[in-house]
Amino acid sequence: MRNLKRQLLFLALCAAFLAGNSSAGVIGPLGPASFNDTVDWCQFGCVPGSPLSTVVPLASPQTWVSTGGNTGAIALALGGNAFFTQQGGFWGGNFNSEMGLIYNNACCGGTSDNFLVAFDQAEYGVGAYIQADSPGAFTGTVSLYDASQVLLGSIDLGGVSDTSPGGAIFVGATSTDPVWFAQFTVSGTTGLAGPEPDFAIGTMSLNATAPCSGGGDDKGDDNGDGSCGATEDSVPEPSSLLLMSPTLLGLVFLRRRAGDSPHHSGRAAMPDRMP
């Protein structure tokens, strides 16, 4: 199995595939209790007791490590910088107090864009806390893709964005097929603080094992021997990623080797704002 520590291409996936449909093998929305691993964005520099009042630009793509030791990368789908911040400082919205956040900074000079996540190993479920920047009702979506960037399914969940901490929605989904890419999107608010999508995601959750129910390749048993958690699917060679369907956007960008893309250490001062 080749992993993303070799050169890979990040894809901007066709927005037409993100319309909230789901396949029989994708189940959701699910809460954080349905997952067995987490990615805490505080690994990029949370300040306990004094949440960041600024955003920290991150190299794109930016590598991360989960609590369970899994690895991957996150980037804005169109290639701009992502930004790190904290609930209770720069972000005064619905996330739990001092939670680390990844934000597209669309309110203040960033890119109005979706988040694309890639995994160094197959996952069988992905979810995250999510909130729109603009006040009002919104819909958060997580879309899961296989190693060939084929949509496995998308799950939607509605929420309300305001300034009450602790009320962010969690949108998550599990899959009977291996997941190598996921995309988080938001729609629905009017964009009072910036154009859509203008949003952040909090702690991300993963399932590293298949939701196997006993035998058959359609039950998470890729080897056909009744075992769960193993997969014969592999990350495609970078060259094969270029042979994408015409329905995919033609925008691709190269992921640097691990260690060659440290996040930016400078903190760009931004005005305080409330979602």
Protein backbone atom coordinates (compact mmCIF):
# COMPACT_ATOMS: atom_id res chain seq x y z
CA MET A 1 0.00 0.00 0.00
CA ARG A 2 1.41 3.31 -1.04
CA ASN A 3 0.75 6.23 1.27
CA LEU A 4 0.56 9.95 0.99
CA LYS A 5 4.11 10.37 2.21
CA ARG A 6 4.93 9.83 -1.42
CA GLN A 7 3.99 12.55 -3.85
CA LEU A 8 0.24 12.67 -4.40
CA LEU A 9 -2.16 14.93 -6.16
CA PHE A 10 -4.97 16.66 -4.34
CA LEU A 11 -8.11 16.95 -6.42
CA ALA A 12 -10.81 19.58 -6.47
CA LEU A 13 -13.89 17.37 -6.80
CA CYS A 14 -16.93 18.34 -8.83
CA ALA A 15 -19.45 20.26 -6.75
CA ALA A 16 -22.24 18.47 -8.56
CA PHE A 17 -21.36 15.35 -6.59
CA LEU A 18 -21.91 17.12 -3.27
CA ALA A 19 -25.69 17.38 -3.38
CA GLY A 20 -26.40 15.33 -0.27
CA ASN A 21 -26.99 11.97 -1.90
CA SER A 22 -25.76 8.81 -0.24
CA SER A 23 -25.05 5.30 -1.43
CA ALA A 24 -26.19 2.12 0.29
CA GLY A 25 -22.70 1.69 1.77
CA VAL A 26 -22.56 5.13 3.44
CA ILE A 27 -24.49 5.66 6.69
CA GLY A 28 -25.09 8.93 8.51
CA PRO A 29 -25.36 11.46 9.91
CA LEU A 30 -23.55 10.00 12.90
CA GLY A 31 -22.23 11.59 16.08
CA PRO A 32 -18.66 11.47 17.43
CA ALA A 33 -19.42 8.42 19.59
CA SER A 34 -19.63 6.34 16.38
CA PHE A 35 -15.90 6.84 15.67
CA ASN A 36 -12.76 5.40 17.25
CA ASP A 37 -10.05 7.97 16.45
CA THR A 38 -9.78 11.76 16.50
CA VAL A 39 -7.74 14.51 14.88
CA ASP A 40 -7.31 17.38 17.33
CA TRP A 41 -6.35 20.53 15.42
CA CYS A 42 -4.74 21.84 18.62
CA GLN A 43 -1.62 20.06 17.38
CA PHE A 44 -1.11 23.28 15.38
CA GLY A 45 -0.83 25.47 18.46
CA CYS A 46 -3.77 25.94 20.85
CA VAL A 47 -3.21 28.30 23.79
CA PRO A 48 -4.94 26.91 26.91
CA GLY A 49 -6.77 29.52 28.93
CA SER A 50 -6.14 32.27 26.40
CA PRO A 51 -7.54 31.22 23.00
CA LEU A 52 -5.93 32.67 19.92
CA SER A 53 -7.30 36.05 18.88
CA THR A 54 -5.67 35.65 15.47
CA VAL A 55 -5.51 33.04 12.73
CA VAL A 56 -2.34 31.10 11.89
CA PRO A 57 -1.75 30.43 8.17
CA LEU A 58 -1.01 26.77 7.43
CA ALA A 59 0.93 25.48 4.45
CA SER A 60 -1.38 23.82 1.95
CA PRO A 61 -1.61 20.88 2.06
CA GLN A 62 -0.91 20.55 5.79
CA THR A 63 -0.11 17.17 7.36
CA TRP A 64 -1.74 16.01 10.61
CA VAL A 65 -1.53 13.08 13.03
CA SER A 66 -4.54 11.54 14.77
CA THR A 67 -4.70 10.48 18.40
CA GLY A 68 -4.48 6.87 17.23
CA GLY A 69 -1.42 7.48 15.07
CA ASN A 70 -3.07 7.72 11.67
CA THR A 71 -1.82 10.42 9.33
CA GLY A 72 -3.04 12.47 6.40
CA ALA A 73 -3.32 15.99 5.06
CA ILE A 74 -5.86 18.78 4.73
CA ALA A 75 -6.08 21.56 2.16
CA LEU A 76 -8.50 23.99 0.62
CA ALA A 77 -9.87 22.37 -2.53
CA LEU A 78 -8.83 25.27 -4.77
CA GLY A 79 -5.34 25.47 -3.36
CA GLY A 80 -5.25 28.50 -1.04
CA ASN A 81 -3.95 28.48 2.52
CA ALA A 82 -6.03 27.04 5.31
CA PHE A 83 -5.93 28.79 8.70
CA PHE A 84 -5.80 27.58 12.29
CA THR A 85 -7.54 29.32 15.20
CA GLN A 86 -9.48 28.61 18.41
CA GLN A 87 -13.01 28.82 19.72
CA GLY A 88 -13.36 31.63 22.24
CA GLY A 89 -10.71 33.87 20.71
CA PHE A 90 -10.87 34.88 17.07
CA TRP A 91 -13.82 32.51 16.63
CA GLY A 92 -16.71 33.34 18.96
CA GLY A 93 -19.20 30.74 17.74
CA ASN A 94 -20.67 27.36 18.60
CA PHE A 95 -17.65 25.08 19.04
CA ASN A 96 -16.64 23.77 22.46
CA SER A 97 -14.50 26.15 24.49
CA GLU A 98 -10.89 26.40 23.24
CA MET A 99 -11.39 23.75 20.54
CA GLY A 100 -8.82 23.98 17.76
CA LEU A 101 -10.35 24.93 14.41
CA ILE A 102 -9.42 24.85 10.74
CA TYR A 103 -10.95 27.88 9.02
CA ASN A 104 -10.86 29.08 5.41
CA ASN A 105 -10.67 32.71 6.68
CA ALA A 106 -13.10 33.82 3.98
CA CYS A 107 -14.20 36.73 6.16
CA CYS A 108 -10.75 38.31 6.25
CA GLY A 109 -8.73 37.76 3.12
CA GLY A 110 -8.79 33.97 2.84
CA THR A 111 -10.37 31.85 0.12
CA SER A 112 -14.07 31.01 0.05
CA ASP A 113 -13.55 27.29 -0.42
CA ASN A 114 -14.23 23.75 0.80
CA PHE A 115 -11.87 21.52 2.78
CA LEU A 116 -10.41 18.43 1.14
CA VAL A 117 -8.91 15.75 3.43
CA ALA A 118 -6.67 12.90 2.26
CA PHE A 119 -5.63 9.85 4.28
CA ASP A 120 -2.36 7.92 4.35
CA GLN A 121 -4.33 4.75 5.09
CA ALA A 122 -7.84 3.57 4.39
CA GLU A 123 -10.52 4.87 6.75
CA TYR A 124 -14.07 3.61 7.12
CA GLY A 125 -15.70 6.72 8.52
CA VAL A 126 -15.08 10.45 8.72
CA GLY A 127 -16.80 13.30 10.54
CA ALA A 128 -16.14 16.69 12.10
CA TYR A 129 -17.73 19.48 14.08
CA ILE A 130 -18.72 22.19 11.64
CA GLN A 131 -20.16 25.73 11.69
CA ALA A 132 -20.85 28.44 9.14
CA ASP A 133 -19.31 31.83 9.87
CA SER A 134 -22.45 33.78 8.96
CA PRO A 135 -25.35 33.81 11.44
CA GLY A 136 -28.39 31.72 10.64
CA ALA A 137 -29.37 28.29 9.38
CA PHE A 138 -26.86 26.29 7.35
CA THR A 139 -26.26 22.77 6.06
CA GLY A 140 -22.99 20.95 6.65
CA THR A 141 -21.99 18.12 4.32
CA VAL A 142 -19.35 15.42 4.46
CA SER A 143 -18.60 13.53 1.23
CA LEU A 144 -16.56 10.32 1.13
CA TYR A 145 -14.47 9.15 -1.84
CA ASP A 146 -12.57 5.98 -2.68
CA ALA A 147 -8.98 5.68 -3.94
CA SER A 148 -10.07 6.53 -7.50
CA GLN A 149 -11.91 9.67 -6.35
CA VAL A 150 -15.29 8.04 -6.97
CA LEU A 151 -17.99 9.39 -4.68
CA LEU A 152 -19.12 6.76 -2.17
CA GLY A 153 -21.80 9.02 -0.70
CA SER A 154 -22.56 12.36 0.93
CA ILE A 155 -24.35 13.07 4.20
CA ASP A 156 -26.02 16.38 5.12
CA LEU A 157 -26.97 17.80 8.52
CA GLY A 158 -28.63 21.11 9.31
CA GLY A 159 -27.54 23.50 12.02
CA VAL A 160 -27.80 27.10 13.21
CA SER A 161 -24.80 29.40 13.47
CA ASP A 162 -24.77 31.89 16.34
CA THR A 163 -22.49 32.85 19.22
CA SER A 164 -23.52 30.21 21.78
CA PRO A 165 -20.51 27.97 22.59
CA GLY A 166 -20.94 24.20 22.73
CA GLY A 167 -23.67 23.87 20.12
CA ALA A 168 -21.78 23.11 16.91
CA ILE A 169 -23.21 20.25 14.89
CA PHE A 170 -21.18 17.14 14.10
CA VAL A 171 -21.66 15.70 10.63
CA GLY A 172 -20.19 12.23 10.18
CA ALA A 173 -20.64 9.12 8.06
CA THR A 174 -19.32 5.56 7.96
CA SER A 175 -18.68 3.51 4.84
CA THR A 176 -18.46 -0.22 4.12
CA ASP A 177 -15.88 0.67 1.44
CA PRO A 178 -12.42 2.12 2.14
CA VAL A 179 -12.31 5.92 2.22
CA TRP A 180 -9.18 7.72 0.97
CA PHE A 181 -10.54 11.26 0.53
CA ALA A 182 -13.25 13.32 2.23
CA GLN A 183 -14.62 16.79 1.58
CA PHE A 184 -16.41 19.14 3.98
CA THR A 185 -18.76 21.80 2.61
CA VAL A 186 -21.29 24.30 3.95
CA SER A 187 -24.28 25.95 2.29
CA GLY A 188 -27.35 27.90 3.28
CA THR A 189 -26.41 31.10 5.12
CA THR A 190 -26.54 34.50 3.48
CA GLY A 191 -22.85 35.34 3.81
CA LEU A 192 -23.14 38.37 6.09
CA ALA A 193 -19.51 37.98 7.19
CA GLY A 194 -18.24 36.82 3.80
CA PRO A 195 -19.20 34.78 0.76
CA GLU A 196 -20.23 31.15 0.94
CA PRO A 197 -18.71 28.85 1.80
CA ASP A 198 -17.31 30.66 4.84
CA PHE A 199 -16.91 28.10 7.59
CA ALA A 200 -14.66 26.23 10.01
CA ILE A 201 -14.36 22.63 11.12
CA GLY A 202 -13.49 21.51 14.62
CA THR A 203 -12.15 18.19 15.89
CA MET A 204 -12.30 15.53 13.16
CA SER A 205 -13.16 11.88 13.88
CA LEU A 206 -12.18 8.74 11.99
CA ASN A 207 -12.92 5.02 11.88
CA ALA A 208 -9.82 3.02 11.03
CA THR A 209 -11.66 -0.32 10.87
CA ALA A 210 -14.40 -1.49 8.55
CA PRO A 211 -17.99 -1.76 9.86
CA CYS A 212 -17.99 -5.45 8.87
CA SER A 213 -21.12 -7.52 9.45
CA GLY A 214 -19.75 -10.85 8.32
CA GLY A 215 -18.41 -11.86 4.92
CA GLY A 216 -18.79 -10.60 1.40
CA ASP A 217 -16.98 -7.79 -0.33
CA ASP A 218 -19.98 -5.50 0.16
CA LYS A 219 -19.71 -5.81 3.96
CA GLY A 220 -16.28 -4.36 4.48
CA ASP A 221 -14.60 -7.73 3.93
CA ASP A 222 -12.35 -6.86 1.03
CA ASN A 223 -10.49 -10.16 1.18
CA GLY A 224 -13.66 -12.24 1.01
CA ASP A 225 -12.57 -14.31 4.01
CA GLY A 226 -14.89 -12.92 6.64
CA SER A 227 -12.25 -10.74 8.26
CA CYS A 228 -12.70 -7.03 8.90
CA GLY A 229 -10.45 -4.01 8.92
CA ALA A 230 -8.10 -5.08 6.11
CA THR A 231 -8.33 -3.86 2.56
CA GLU A 232 -6.90 -4.73 -0.81
CA ASP A 233 -7.56 -1.22 -2.10
CA SER A 234 -4.44 0.91 -2.51
CA VAL A 235 -3.74 4.56 -3.08
CA PRO A 236 -3.39 5.04 -6.85
CA GLU A 237 -0.14 6.08 -8.46
CA PRO A 238 0.05 9.86 -8.95
CA SER A 239 -0.08 9.37 -12.72
CA SER A 240 -3.41 7.56 -12.47
CA LEU A 241 -4.93 10.51 -10.63
CA LEU A 242 -4.50 12.54 -13.79
CA LEU A 243 -6.86 10.19 -15.64
CA MET A 244 -9.86 11.68 -13.90
CA SER A 245 -13.39 11.74 -15.26
CA PRO A 246 -14.38 14.82 -17.31
CA THR A 247 -17.00 15.46 -14.62
CA LEU A 248 -14.24 16.32 -12.14
CA LEU A 249 -12.82 19.80 -12.01
CA GLY A 250 -9.52 20.05 -13.84
CA LEU A 251 -7.74 21.69 -10.92
CA VAL A 252 -5.05 19.55 -9.25
CA PHE A 253 -2.12 20.43 -7.09
CA LEU A 254 0.90 18.54 -5.88
CA ARG A 255 1.28 17.50 -2.28
CA ARG A 256 4.76 17.99 -0.92
CA ARG A 257 6.61 15.14 0.73
CA ALA A 258 6.06 14.84 4.45
CA GLY A 259 8.37 17.19 6.24
CA ASP A 260 8.66 19.57 3.32
CA SER A 261 5.51 21.51 4.15
CA PRO A 262 5.61 22.72 7.77
CA HIS A 263 2.83 25.06 8.76
CA HIS A 264 3.60 28.75 8.77
CA SER A 265 4.78 29.85 12.17
CA GLY A 266 3.73 33.48 11.83
CA ARG A 267 0.37 34.59 13.14
CA ALA A 268 -1.50 37.01 10.97
CA ALA A 269 -3.36 39.52 13.11
CA MET A 270 -7.02 39.71 12.17
CA PRO A 271 -9.85 41.79 13.59
CA ASP A 272 -12.10 40.10 16.13
CA ARG A 273 -15.36 38.95 14.69
CA MET A 274 -18.38 36.93 15.68
CA PRO A 275 -20.09 34.38 13.43
